[in-house]
C-alpha atoms as a PDB file:
ATOM      1  CA  UNK A   1     -64.734 169.811  76.797  1.00  0.00           C
ATOM      2  CA  UNK A   2     -67.324 167.479  75.515  1.00  0.00           C
ATOM      3  CA  UNK A   3     -70.717 167.150  77.296  1.00  0.00           C
ATOM      4  CA  UNK A   4     -71.395 164.029  75.411  1.00  0.00           C
ATOM      5  CA  UNK A   5     -68.018 162.436  76.604  1.00  0.00           C
ATOM      6  CA  UNK A   6     -68.917 163.632  80.339  1.00  0.00           C
ATOM      7  CA  UNK A   7     -72.385 162.208  80.272  1.00  0.00           C
ATOM      8  CA  UNK A   8     -71.400 158.861  78.781  1.00  0.00           C
ATOM      9  CA  UNK A   9     -68.600 158.565  81.037  1.00  0.00           C
ATOM     10  CA  UNK A  10     -70.928 158.970  84.136  1.00  0.00           C
ATOM     11  CA  UNK A  11     -73.581 156.679  82.882  1.00  0.00           C
ATOM     12  CA  UNK A  12     -71.200 153.780  82.081  1.00  0.00           C
ATOM     13  CA  UNK A  13     -69.363 154.104  85.493  1.00  0.00           C
ATOM     14  CA  UNK A  14     -72.694 154.430  87.247  1.00  0.00           C
ATOM     15  CA  UNK A  15     -74.110 151.286  85.499  1.00  0.00           C
ATOM     16  CA  UNK A  16     -70.828 149.484  85.852  1.00  0.00           C
ATOM     17  CA  UNK A  17     -70.773 149.996  89.792  1.00  0.00           C
ATOM     18  CA  UNK A  18     -74.439 148.990  89.949  1.00  0.00           C
ATOM     19  CA  UNK A  19     -73.591 145.656  88.178  1.00  0.00           C
ATOM     20  CA  UNK A  20     -70.655 145.135  90.490  1.00  0.00           C
ATOM     21  CA  UNK A  21     -73.249 145.335  93.288  1.00  0.00           C
ATOM     22  CA  UNK A  22     -71.771 148.469  94.786  1.00  0.00           C
ATOM     23  CA  UNK A  23     -74.273 151.000  96.766  1.00  0.00           C
ATOM     24  CA  UNK A  24     -73.319 154.527  97.622  1.00  0.00           C
ATOM     25  CA  UNK A  25     -74.126 155.976 101.034  1.00  0.00           C
ATOM     26  CA  UNK A  26     -77.265 158.000 100.708  1.00  0.00           C
ATOM     27  CA  UNK A  27     -75.904 160.806 102.910  1.00  0.00           C
ATOM     28  CA  UNK A  28     -73.054 161.693 100.370  1.00  0.00           C
ATOM     29  CA  UNK A  29     -73.481 164.740  98.179  1.00  0.00           C
ATOM     30  CA  UNK A  30     -71.344 163.033  95.323  1.00  0.00           C
ATOM     31  CA  UNK A  31     -71.511 159.422  94.331  1.00  0.00           C
ATOM     32  CA  UNK A  32     -68.598 157.385  93.513  1.00  0.00           C
ATOM     33  CA  UNK A  33     -69.602 157.361  89.762  1.00  0.00           C
ATOM     34  CA  UNK A  34     -69.402 161.213  90.116  1.00  0.00           C
ATOM     35  CA  UNK A  35     -66.016 161.152  91.814  1.00  0.00           C
ATOM     36  CA  UNK A  36     -64.436 158.935  89.270  1.00  0.00           C
ATOM     37  CA  UNK A  37     -66.084 160.787  86.359  1.00  0.00           C
ATOM     38  CA  UNK A  38     -64.476 164.108  87.628  1.00  0.00           C
ATOM     39  CA  UNK A  39     -60.944 162.091  87.740  1.00  0.00           C
ATOM     40  CA  UNK A  40     -61.466 160.812  84.012  1.00  0.00           C
ATOM     41  CA  UNK A  41     -62.622 164.363  82.958  1.00  0.00           C
ATOM     42  CA  UNK A  42     -59.437 165.894  84.424  1.00  0.00           C
ATOM     43  CA  UNK A  43     -57.389 163.242  82.681  1.00  0.00           C
ATOM     44  CA  UNK A  44     -59.080 163.678  79.428  1.00  0.00           C
ATOM     45  CA  UNK A  45     -59.324 167.441  79.195  1.00  0.00           C
ATOM     46  CA  UNK A  46     -57.284 169.060  81.867  1.00  0.00           C
ATOM     47  CA  UNK A  47     -54.023 167.133  81.919  1.00  0.00           C
ATOM     48  CA  UNK A  48     -55.039 165.493  85.327  1.00  0.00           C
ATOM     49  CA  UNK A  49     -55.585 168.838  86.990  1.00  0.00           C
ATOM     50  CA  UNK A  50     -58.288 167.872  89.522  1.00  0.00           C
ATOM     51  CA  UNK A  51     -58.862 171.245  90.868  1.00  0.00           C
ATOM     52  CA  UNK A  52     -59.370 172.869  87.454  1.00  0.00           C
ATOM     53  CA  UNK A  53     -61.719 170.100  86.349  1.00  0.00           C
ATOM     54  CA  UNK A  54     -63.689 170.306  89.523  1.00  0.00           C
ATOM     55  CA  UNK A  55     -64.203 174.179  89.462  1.00  0.00           C
ATOM     56  CA  UNK A  56     -65.336 173.864  85.724  1.00  0.00           C
ATOM     57  CA  UNK A  57     -67.882 171.117  86.373  1.00  0.00           C
ATOM     58  CA  UNK A  58     -69.214 173.113  89.429  1.00  0.00           C
ATOM     59  CA  UNK A  59     -69.526 176.407  87.485  1.00  0.00           C
ATOM     60  CA  UNK A  60     -71.325 174.380  84.588  1.00  0.00           C
ATOM     61  CA  UNK A  61     -73.845 172.858  87.303  1.00  0.00           C
ATOM     62  CA  UNK A  62     -72.754 169.452  86.265  1.00  0.00           C
ATOM     63  CA  UNK A  63     -71.957 168.737  90.068  1.00  0.00           C
ATOM     64  CA  UNK A  64     -72.869 170.404  93.166  1.00  0.00           C
ATOM     65  CA  UNK A  65     -70.291 172.504  95.093  1.00  0.00           C
ATOM     66  CA  UNK A  66     -67.510 170.434  96.407  1.00  0.00           C
ATOM     67  CA  UNK A  67     -64.218 171.047  97.954  1.00  0.00           C
ATOM     68  CA  UNK A  68     -60.996 169.817  96.532  1.00  0.00           C
ATOM     69  CA  UNK A  69     -59.904 168.207  99.775  1.00  0.00           C
ATOM     70  CA  UNK A  70     -62.973 166.174 100.114  1.00  0.00           C
ATOM     71  CA  UNK A  71     -62.659 165.291  96.452  1.00  0.00           C
ATOM     72  CA  UNK A  72     -59.168 163.909  96.856  1.00  0.00           C
ATOM     73  CA  UNK A  73     -60.208 161.969 100.043  1.00  0.00           C
ATOM     74  CA  UNK A  74     -63.038 160.405  98.175  1.00  0.00           C
ATOM     75  CA  UNK A  75     -60.903 159.647  95.299  1.00  0.00           C
ATOM     76  CA  UNK A  76     -58.456 157.730  97.359  1.00  0.00           C
ATOM     77  CA  UNK A  77     -61.049 155.752  99.017  1.00  0.00           C
ATOM     78  CA  UNK A  78     -62.367 154.758  95.701  1.00  0.00           C
ATOM     79  CA  UNK A  79     -58.990 153.433  94.422  1.00  0.00           C
ATOM     80  CA  UNK A  80     -60.000 149.640  94.426  1.00  0.00           C
ATOM     81  CA  UNK A  81     -63.187 150.919  92.327  1.00  0.00           C
ATOM     82  CA  UNK A  82     -61.032 152.661  89.892  1.00  0.00           C
ATOM     83  CA  UNK A  83     -58.759 149.593  89.464  1.00  0.00           C
ATOM     84  CA  UNK A  84     -61.454 147.102  89.010  1.00  0.00           C
ATOM     85  CA  UNK A  85     -63.647 149.278  86.536  1.00  0.00           C
ATOM     86  CA  UNK A  86     -60.583 150.016  84.362  1.00  0.00           C
ATOM     87  CA  UNK A  87     -59.456 146.211  84.046  1.00  0.00           C
ATOM     88  CA  UNK A  88     -63.091 145.351  83.452  1.00  0.00           C
ATOM     89  CA  UNK A  89     -63.850 147.877  80.893  1.00  0.00           C
ATOM     90  CA  UNK A  90     -60.567 147.422  79.156  1.00  0.00           C
ATOM     91  CA  UNK A  91     -61.428 143.672  78.654  1.00  0.00           C
ATOM     92  CA  UNK A  92     -65.027 144.507  77.386  1.00  0.00           C
ATOM     93  CA  UNK A  93     -63.872 147.152  74.964  1.00  0.00           C
ATOM     94  CA  UNK A  94     -60.552 145.637  73.494  1.00  0.00           C
ATOM     95  CA  UNK A  95     -60.742 143.763  70.306  1.00  0.00           C
ATOM     96  CA  UNK A  96     -59.333 140.355  70.264  1.00  0.00           C
ATOM     97  CA  UNK A  97     -56.993 138.810  67.505  1.00  0.00           C
ATOM     98  CA  UNK A  98     -54.306 141.407  67.405  1.00  0.00           C
ATOM     99  CA  UNK A  99     -52.308 143.244  70.110  1.00  0.00           C
ATOM    100  CA  UNK A 100     -49.152 145.551  70.585  1.00  0.00           C
ATOM    101  CA  UNK A 101     -46.873 145.262  73.688  1.00  0.00           C
ATOM    102  CA  UNK A 102     -44.545 148.149  74.543  1.00  0.00           C
ATOM    103  CA  UNK A 103     -43.186 150.204  77.633  1.00  0.00           C
ATOM    104  CA  UNK A 104     -43.975 153.930  78.285  1.00  0.00           C
ATOM    105  CA  UNK A 105     -41.535 156.065  80.606  1.00  0.00           C
ATOM    106  CA  UNK A 106     -43.280 158.142  83.221  1.00  0.00           C
ATOM    107  CA  UNK A 107     -40.812 160.409  85.009  1.00  0.00           C
ATOM    108  CA  UNK A 108     -41.629 161.572  88.608  1.00  0.00           C
ATOM    109  CA  UNK A 109     -39.258 164.424  88.670  1.00  0.00           C
ATOM    110  CA  UNK A 110     -36.943 166.448  86.342  1.00  0.00           C
ATOM    111  CA  UNK A 111     -33.218 165.069  85.612  1.00  0.00           C
ATOM    112  CA  UNK A 112     -31.890 168.289  87.441  1.00  0.00           C
ATOM    113  CA  UNK A 113     -33.045 166.941  90.601  1.00  0.00           C
ATOM    114  CA  UNK A 114     -31.093 163.583  90.169  1.00  0.00           C
ATOM    115  CA  UNK A 115     -28.980 163.844  93.382  1.00  0.00           C
ATOM    116  CA  UNK A 116     -32.246 164.133  95.531  1.00  0.00           C
ATOM    117  CA  UNK A 117     -33.872 161.430  93.442  1.00  0.00           C
ATOM    118  CA  UNK A 118     -30.876 159.057  94.036  1.00  0.00           C
ATOM    119  CA  UNK A 119     -31.288 159.364  97.770  1.00  0.00           C
ATOM    120  CA  UNK A 120     -34.994 158.984  97.974  1.00  0.00           C
ATOM    121  CA  UNK A 121     -35.769 156.518  95.114  1.00  0.00           C
ATOM    122  CA  UNK A 122     -32.482 154.695  94.729  1.00  0.00           C
ATOM    123  CA  UNK A 123     -31.025 153.427  91.289  1.00  0.00           C
ATOM    124  CA  UNK A 124     -33.960 151.148  90.386  1.00  0.00           C
ATOM    125  CA  UNK A 125     -35.859 154.285  89.332  1.00  0.00           C
ATOM    126  CA  UNK A 126     -33.289 155.576  86.776  1.00  0.00           C
ATOM    127  CA  UNK A 127     -33.976 154.608  83.296  1.00  0.00           C
ATOM    128  CA  UNK A 128     -33.397 155.572  79.641  1.00  0.00           C
ATOM    129  CA  UNK A 129     -35.919 157.053  77.425  1.00  0.00           C
ATOM    130  CA  UNK A 130     -34.882 156.059  73.829  1.00  0.00           C
ATOM    131  CA  UNK A 131     -37.595 158.653  72.491  1.00  0.00           C
ATOM    132  CA  UNK A 132     -36.257 161.744  73.983  1.00  0.00           C
ATOM    133  CA  UNK A 133     -32.795 160.303  74.390  1.00  0.00           C
ATOM    134  CA  UNK A 134     -32.239 161.068  77.770  1.00  0.00           C
ATOM    135  CA  UNK A 135     -32.187 159.733  81.420  1.00  0.00           C
ATOM    136  CA  UNK A 136     -35.103 159.959  83.864  1.00  0.00           C
ATOM    137  CA  UNK A 137     -36.106 158.940  87.312  1.00  0.00           C
ATOM    138  CA  UNK A 138     -39.441 157.216  87.620  1.00  0.00           C
ATOM    139  CA  UNK A 139     -41.403 154.303  86.489  1.00  0.00           C
ATOM    140  CA  UNK A 140     -42.193 152.436  83.119  1.00  0.00           C
ATOM    141  CA  UNK A 141     -45.854 151.637  82.152  1.00  0.00           C
ATOM    142  CA  UNK A 142     -45.518 147.988  80.918  1.00  0.00           C
ATOM    143  CA  UNK A 143     -48.838 147.476  78.904  1.00  0.00           C
ATOM    144  CA  UNK A 144     -50.595 145.788  76.039  1.00  0.00           C
ATOM    145  CA  UNK A 145     -53.185 147.373  73.760  1.00  0.00           C
ATOM    146  CA  UNK A 146     -55.370 146.052  70.973  1.00  0.00           C
ATOM    147  CA  UNK A 147     -55.209 147.200  67.398  1.00  0.00           C
ATOM    148  CA  UNK A 148     -57.173 150.411  68.093  1.00  0.00           C
ATOM    149  CA  UNK A 149     -54.772 151.461  70.891  1.00  0.00           C
ATOM    150  CA  UNK A 150     -57.331 150.430  73.740  1.00  0.00           C
ATOM    151  CA  UNK A 151     -55.478 149.149  76.934  1.00  0.00           C
ATOM    152  CA  UNK A 152     -55.824 145.540  77.450  1.00  0.00           C
ATOM    153  CA  UNK A 153     -53.366 144.774  80.318  1.00  0.00           C
ATOM    154  CA  UNK A 154     -51.030 147.053  82.176  1.00  0.00           C
ATOM    155  CA  UNK A 155     -48.451 147.120  85.108  1.00  0.00           C
ATOM    156  CA  UNK A 156     -46.458 150.242  86.627  1.00  0.00           C
ATOM    157  CA  UNK A 157     -42.779 149.145  87.758  1.00  0.00           C
ATOM    158  CA  UNK A 158     -39.495 150.841  88.452  1.00  0.00           C
ATOM    159  CA  UNK A 159     -37.641 152.122  85.340  1.00  0.00           C
ATOM    160  CA  UNK A 160     -34.985 149.555  85.362  1.00  0.00           C
ATOM    161  CA  UNK A 161     -37.253 146.645  85.119  1.00  0.00           C
ATOM    162  CA  UNK A 162     -36.700 144.868  81.735  1.00  0.00           C
ATOM    163  CA  UNK A 163     -39.393 144.599  79.155  1.00  0.00           C
ATOM    164  CA  UNK A 164     -39.364 140.634  79.111  1.00  0.00           C
ATOM    165  CA  UNK A 165     -39.958 140.708  82.863  1.00  0.00           C
ATOM    166  CA  UNK A 166     -43.680 140.901  82.595  1.00  0.00           C
ATOM    167  CA  UNK A 167     -44.416 139.597  79.112  1.00  0.00           C
ATOM    168  CA  UNK A 168     -46.209 136.288  80.172  1.00  0.00           C
ATOM    169  CA  UNK A 169     -48.259 138.127  82.802  1.00  0.00           C
ATOM    170  CA  UNK A 170     -49.552 140.823  80.486  1.00  0.00           C
ATOM    171  CA  UNK A 171     -50.461 138.187  77.873  1.00  0.00           C
ATOM    172  CA  UNK A 172     -52.221 135.979  80.303  1.00  0.00           C
ATOM    173  CA  UNK A 173     -55.649 137.818  79.573  1.00  0.00           C
ATOM    174  CA  UNK A 174     -55.304 137.613  75.736  1.00  0.00           C
ATOM    175  CA  UNK A 175     -57.386 134.924  73.959  1.00  0.00           C
ATOM    176  CA  UNK A 176     -55.596 132.164  72.220  1.00  0.00           C
ATOM    177  CA  UNK A 177     -53.991 132.601  68.852  1.00  0.00           C
ATOM    178  CA  UNK A 178     -53.608 136.323  69.423  1.00  0.00           C
ATOM    179  CA  UNK A 179     -50.635 137.939  67.425  1.00  0.00           C
ATOM    180  CA  UNK A 180     -48.719 140.317  69.507  1.00  0.00           C
ATOM    181  CA  UNK A 181     -46.454 142.974  67.755  1.00  0.00           C
ATOM    182  CA  UNK A 182     -43.347 144.072  69.636  1.00  0.00           C
ATOM    183  CA  UNK A 183     -40.111 146.030  69.043  1.00  0.00           C
ATOM    184  CA  UNK A 184     -36.667 144.759  69.371  1.00  0.00           C
ATOM    185  CA  UNK A 185     -36.593 144.907  73.071  1.00  0.00           C
ATOM    186  CA  UNK A 186     -38.845 141.917  73.187  1.00  0.00           C
ATOM    187  CA  UNK A 187     -36.716 139.548  71.049  1.00  0.00           C
ATOM    188  CA  UNK A 188     -36.435 136.248  72.931  1.00  0.00           C
ATOM    189  CA  UNK A 189     -36.862 132.732  71.613  1.00  0.00           C
ATOM    190  CA  UNK A 190     -37.391 131.594  75.227  1.00  0.00           C
ATOM    191  CA  UNK A 191     -40.233 133.936  75.686  1.00  0.00           C
ATOM    192  CA  UNK A 192     -41.850 133.389  72.265  1.00  0.00           C
ATOM    193  CA  UNK A 193     -41.926 129.501  73.021  1.00  0.00           C
ATOM    194  CA  UNK A 194     -43.291 129.991  76.406  1.00  0.00           C
ATOM    195  CA  UNK A 195     -46.070 132.385  75.174  1.00  0.00           C
ATOM    196  CA  UNK A 196     -46.957 129.774  72.493  1.00  0.00           C
ATOM    197  CA  UNK A 197     -46.874 126.703  74.785  1.00  0.00           C
ATOM    198  CA  UNK A 198     -48.933 128.242  77.627  1.00  0.00           C
ATOM    199  CA  UNK A 199     -51.607 130.177  75.866  1.00  0.00           C
ATOM    200  CA  UNK A 200     -51.142 129.619  71.992  1.00  0.00           C
ATOM    201  CA  UNK A 201     -49.909 133.257  71.466  1.00  0.00           C
ATOM    202  CA  UNK A 202     -47.775 134.503  68.837  1.00  0.00           C
ATOM    203  CA  UNK A 203     -45.113 136.786  69.938  1.00  0.00           C
ATOM    204  CA  UNK A 204     -43.806 138.726  66.893  1.00  0.00           C
ATOM    205  CA  UNK A 205     -40.736 140.995  67.618  1.00  0.00           C
ATOM    206  CA  UNK A 206     -38.807 142.999  65.234  1.00  0.00           C
ATOM    207  CA  UNK A 207     -35.185 141.637  64.823  1.00  0.00           C
ATOM    208  CA  UNK A 208     -32.193 143.862  65.172  1.00  0.00           C
ATOM    209  CA  UNK A 209     -29.931 144.619  62.178  1.00  0.00           C
ATOM    210  CA  UNK A 210     -27.205 142.131  63.407  1.00  0.00           C
ATOM    211  CA  UNK A 211     -29.808 139.245  63.657  1.00  0.00           C
ATOM    212  CA  UNK A 212     -31.509 137.133  60.831  1.00  0.00           C
ATOM    213  CA  UNK A 213     -34.441 139.403  59.319  1.00  0.00           C
ATOM    214  CA  UNK A 214     -37.963 138.886  59.966  1.00  0.00           C
ATOM    215  CA  UNK A 215     -40.015 137.193  57.344  1.00  0.00           C
ATOM    216  CA  UNK A 216     -41.830 139.514  54.787  1.00  0.00           C
ATOM    217  CA  UNK A 217     -45.144 138.361  56.501  1.00  0.00           C
ATOM    218  CA  UNK A 218     -43.810 139.561  60.036  1.00  0.00           C
ATOM    219  CA  UNK A 219     -42.550 142.869  58.593  1.00  0.00           C
ATOM    220  CA  UNK A 220     -45.848 143.503  57.168  1.00  0.00           C
ATOM    221  CA  UNK A 221     -47.690 142.718  60.250  1.00  0.00           C
ATOM    222  CA  UNK A 222     -45.372 144.868  62.442  1.00  0.00           C
ATOM    223  CA  UNK A 223     -45.692 147.859  59.915  1.00  0.00           C
ATOM    224  CA  UNK A 224     -49.540 147.649  60.059  1.00  0.00           C
ATOM    225  CA  UNK A 225     -49.786 147.350  63.810  1.00  0.00           C
ATOM    226  CA  UNK A 226     -46.901 149.119  65.683  1.00  0.00           C
ATOM    227  CA  UNK A 227     -47.800 152.644  64.837  1.00  0.00           C
ATOM    228  CA  UNK A 228     -51.056 152.279  66.917  1.00  0.00           C
ATOM    229  CA  UNK A 229     -49.290 151.964  70.215  1.00  0.00           C
ATOM    230  CA  UNK A 230     -47.128 155.016  69.426  1.00  0.00           C
ATOM    231  CA  UNK A 231     -50.421 156.949  68.681  1.00  0.00           C
ATOM    232  CA  UNK A 232     -51.822 155.730  72.038  1.00  0.00           C
ATOM    233  CA  UNK A 233     -48.384 157.090  73.639  1.00  0.00           C
ATOM    234  CA  UNK A 234     -48.915 160.481  72.181  1.00  0.00           C
ATOM    235  CA  UNK A 235     -52.427 160.504  73.727  1.00  0.00           C
ATOM    236  CA  UNK A 236     -51.212 159.681  77.022  1.00  0.00           C
ATOM    237  CA  UNK A 237     -48.609 162.381  76.715  1.00  0.00           C
ATOM    238  CA  UNK A 238     -51.076 164.741  75.694  1.00  0.00           C
ATOM    239  CA  UNK A 239     -53.014 163.882  79.056  1.00  0.00           C
ATOM    240  CA  UNK A 240     -50.138 165.021  80.979  1.00  0.00           C
ATOM    241  CA  UNK A 241     -49.025 161.471  82.246  1.00  0.00           C
ATOM    242  CA  UNK A 242     -45.228 162.508  81.698  1.00  0.00           C
ATOM    243  CA  UNK A 243     -45.923 165.512  83.947  1.00  0.00           C
ATOM    244  CA  UNK A 244     -48.054 164.364  86.726  1.00  0.00           C
ATOM    245  CA  UNK A 245     -48.010 166.175  90.004  1.00  0.00           C
ATOM    246  CA  UNK A 246     -48.666 164.061  93.028  1.00  0.00           C
ATOM    247  CA  UNK A 247     -47.228 163.877  96.496  1.00  0.00           C
ATOM    248  CA  UNK A 248     -47.832 160.271  97.058  1.00  0.00           C
ATOM    249  CA  UNK A 249     -47.400 157.014  94.972  1.00  0.00           C
ATOM    250  CA  UNK A 250     -51.175 156.324  95.638  1.00  0.00           C
ATOM    251  CA  UNK A 251     -52.006 159.722  94.107  1.00  0.00           C
ATOM    252  CA  UNK A 252     -49.510 159.007  91.194  1.00  0.00           C
ATOM    253  CA  UNK A 253     -51.205 155.709  90.526  1.00  0.00           C
ATOM    254  CA  UNK A 254     -54.787 157.257  90.577  1.00  0.00           C
ATOM    255  CA  UNK A 255     -54.045 159.671  87.930  1.00  0.00           C
ATOM    256  CA  UNK A 256     -52.293 157.060  85.864  1.00  0.00           C
ATOM    257  CA  UNK A 257     -55.371 154.855  86.160  1.00  0.00           C
ATOM    258  CA  UNK A 258     -57.715 157.798  85.262  1.00  0.00           C
ATOM    259  CA  UNK A 259     -55.563 158.416  82.036  1.00  0.00           C
ATOM    260  CA  UNK A 260     -55.940 154.758  81.126  1.00  0.00           C
ATOM    261  CA  UNK A 261     -59.637 154.791  81.701  1.00  0.00           C
ATOM    262  CA  UNK A 262     -60.077 157.930  79.739  1.00  0.00           C
ATOM    263  CA  UNK A 263     -57.996 156.213  76.757  1.00  0.00           C
ATOM    264  CA  UNK A 264     -60.797 153.405  77.000  1.00  0.00           C
ATOM    265  CA  UNK A 265     -63.639 155.884  76.963  1.00  0.00           C
ATOM    266  CA  UNK A 266     -62.038 157.419  73.854  1.00  0.00           C
ATOM    267  CA  UNK A 267     -62.526 154.297  71.986  1.00  0.00           C
ATOM    268  CA  UNK A 268     -65.959 153.420  73.707  1.00  0.00           C
ATOM    269  CA  UNK A 269     -67.668 156.725  72.718  1.00  0.00           C
END
């Protein structure tokens, strides 16, 4: 655990909440900035284990004694703040000019429970993980990051949602003349033309072996940029994003948002 990381996270969150015009109730033991700091620290150092992070911060006298149930209630109440801060900080930290788009599988349970998952979640949540070459039940994180691996825009959808579904929505926040590197799942002349006509954005996808090959300039661009989002995927996996323990969809989303915010602070600090 890094003291500089924790202090910087708290200061940035506190200043951001003040800039948003938010004021805490003076009767509360912990401010919302401290609540969100615990969530980010849990994602960064404890694989989203809130109880463990809370105990460590209490033992090191970083925060006063606080129960886990109260922390969970406060964190759920601050969900809208966590979403707004993650989106705003991502836009401030991310570098313009180059971006990478991809999806990241996030299982909600093990494949051995597939019969129970089919009854509760339905077939829309069953997807194929190409990296591990296995089926999973859960969601896909559709997201765009900059050339340094910092999140720019993101959305969580069921696993069967195709990659091309949210291309235009994810690219809406990018600056004009941004070059986006993509893999073979994003090969679409229609989407490429639409991205250019609506926002002057270059969508460069790696062609399949049975298609006309990319130009040497496109191949060079893809080789220099695509590896960064794979590194970001490894960082998210290290934070335990693919092994999240949550009883509700809101709790699941909160831990994912905290992981993305921790990824932003990795580039900010």
